Amino acid sequence: QVQLVESGGGSVQAGGSLRLSCAASASSSVFGGMGWYRQAPGKERELVARIISGGTTIYADSVKGRFTISRENAKNTVYLQMDSLKLEDTAVYYCYAFALGLWGQGTLVTVSS
């Protein structure tokens, strides 16, 4: 069964960093473009970053300059490096494979003051 498994979430103080990982159970080429979404309490799920074939990246305005999405095809893994974290970055972060319409289970990121 094809699946995505996120890891790397946790608690961090404002200004700190975390790196999320999304491991795919099959060749990442199957998954096509990959993205990270997040959902904060009481809010809708929103796109944070996306990486498409060829390595082009797209970011939400709220995270530009602070977050970096990358992909390591040899490990079938997509990463989200999050720096200069803010309180408003607190959310459950989900990995998404656009070609398959497949979500990971989510990983919680909590940023405190």
Protein backbone atom coordinates (compact mmCIF):
# COMPACT_ATOMS: atom_id res chain seq x y z
CA GLN A 1 0.00 0.00 0.00
CA VAL A 2 1.40 3.35 -1.03
CA GLN A 3 1.73 5.74 1.87
CA LEU A 4 3.45 8.85 3.17
CA VAL A 5 4.90 9.02 6.66
CA GLU A 6 5.83 12.34 8.24
CA SER A 7 8.27 12.85 11.10
CA GLY A 8 10.23 15.62 12.75
CA GLY A 9 7.49 17.57 14.46
CA GLY A 10 7.78 18.71 18.04
CA SER A 11 7.92 21.71 20.33
CA VAL A 12 10.28 24.61 19.80
CA GLN A 13 10.65 28.16 21.01
CA ALA A 14 9.95 31.08 18.72
CA GLY A 15 12.97 31.78 16.54
CA GLY A 16 14.00 28.14 16.53
CA SER A 17 14.16 25.58 13.75
CA LEU A 18 12.71 22.19 12.90
CA ARG A 19 13.04 19.92 9.91
CA LEU A 20 10.11 17.79 8.84
CA SER A 21 10.54 14.68 6.75
CA CYS A 22 8.04 12.87 4.55
CA ALA A 23 9.06 9.38 3.55
CA ALA A 24 7.26 7.72 0.64
CA SER A 25 6.75 3.97 0.52
CA ALA A 26 7.49 3.84 -3.21
CA SER A 27 9.69 5.62 -5.69
CA SER A 28 9.13 9.32 -5.30
CA SER A 29 8.72 9.58 -9.07
CA VAL A 30 5.33 7.91 -8.63
CA PHE A 31 4.17 10.72 -6.41
CA GLY A 32 4.85 13.58 -8.79
CA GLY A 33 4.84 17.00 -7.24
CA MET A 34 4.92 17.02 -3.46
CA GLY A 35 3.74 19.58 -0.96
CA TRP A 36 3.47 20.46 2.69
CA TYR A 37 0.20 21.74 4.09
CA ARG A 38 -0.68 22.79 7.61
CA GLN A 39 -3.81 23.14 9.65
CA ALA A 40 -3.96 25.25 12.78
CA PRO A 41 -6.74 24.83 15.34
CA GLY A 42 -9.97 26.33 14.07
CA LYS A 43 -8.51 27.12 10.65
CA GLU A 44 -8.63 25.55 7.22
CA ARG A 45 -5.79 23.51 5.85
CA GLU A 46 -3.43 25.67 3.80
CA LEU A 47 -0.59 25.04 1.38
CA VAL A 48 2.78 25.93 2.89
CA ALA A 49 5.20 24.83 0.19
CA ARG A 50 5.27 22.78 -2.97
CA ILE A 51 7.99 21.22 -5.08
CA ILE A 52 7.30 20.09 -8.62
CA SER A 53 9.17 18.12 -11.24
CA GLY A 54 12.42 19.83 -12.10
CA GLY A 55 12.75 21.22 -8.61
CA THR A 56 10.67 24.36 -8.92
CA THR A 57 9.42 25.45 -5.51
CA ILE A 58 6.44 27.53 -4.44
CA TYR A 59 5.85 29.01 -1.00
CA ALA A 60 3.05 30.66 0.87
CA ASP A 61 3.80 34.33 1.48
CA SER A 62 3.71 33.73 5.22
CA VAL A 63 6.72 31.39 5.11
CA LYS A 64 8.83 32.80 2.27
CA GLY A 65 12.41 33.30 3.35
CA ARG A 66 11.94 31.10 6.43
CA PHE A 67 10.92 27.67 5.12
CA THR A 68 12.66 25.54 2.50
CA ILE A 69 11.18 22.51 0.76
CA SER A 70 13.54 19.99 -0.78
CA ARG A 71 13.47 16.51 -2.16
CA GLU A 72 15.90 13.60 -1.99
CA ASN A 73 14.78 11.14 -4.63
CA ALA A 74 17.33 8.48 -3.65
CA LYS A 75 15.60 8.26 -0.26
CA ASN A 76 12.07 8.86 -1.54
CA THR A 77 11.85 11.68 0.96
CA VAL A 78 10.68 15.28 0.95
CA TYR A 79 11.82 17.73 3.61
CA LEU A 80 10.56 20.98 5.03
CA GLN A 81 13.25 23.00 6.78
CA MET A 82 11.58 25.56 9.02
CA ASP A 83 13.68 28.39 10.42
CA SER A 84 12.81 31.51 12.40
CA LEU A 85 9.65 29.83 13.61
CA LYS A 86 6.82 32.02 14.85
CA LEU A 87 3.94 31.35 17.19
CA GLU A 88 1.58 31.39 14.22
CA ASP A 89 3.43 28.47 12.65
CA THR A 90 1.87 26.18 15.25
CA ALA A 91 -0.17 23.58 13.38
CA VAL A 92 -0.38 20.00 12.24
CA TYR A 93 1.76 19.67 9.13
CA TYR A 94 0.77 17.26 6.38
CA CYS A 95 2.68 15.91 3.45
CA TYR A 96 0.76 15.59 0.16
CA ALA A 97 1.40 13.83 -3.14
CA PHE A 98 -0.43 15.72 -5.86
CA ALA A 99 -0.39 13.02 -8.51
CA LEU A 100 -1.98 10.48 -6.18
CA GLY A 101 -4.11 12.74 -4.03
CA LEU A 102 -2.44 11.08 -1.06
CA TRP A 103 -2.00 12.59 2.43
CA GLY A 104 0.33 11.64 5.22
CA GLN A 105 -0.94 11.27 8.78
CA GLY A 106 0.37 14.64 9.93
CA THR A 107 2.93 15.78 12.46
CA LEU A 108 2.36 18.42 15.13
CA VAL A 109 4.55 21.49 15.35
CA THR A 110 4.15 23.68 18.42
CA VAL A 111 5.95 27.01 18.68
CA SER A 112 6.03 28.69 22.09
CA SER A 113 7.25 32.04 23.36
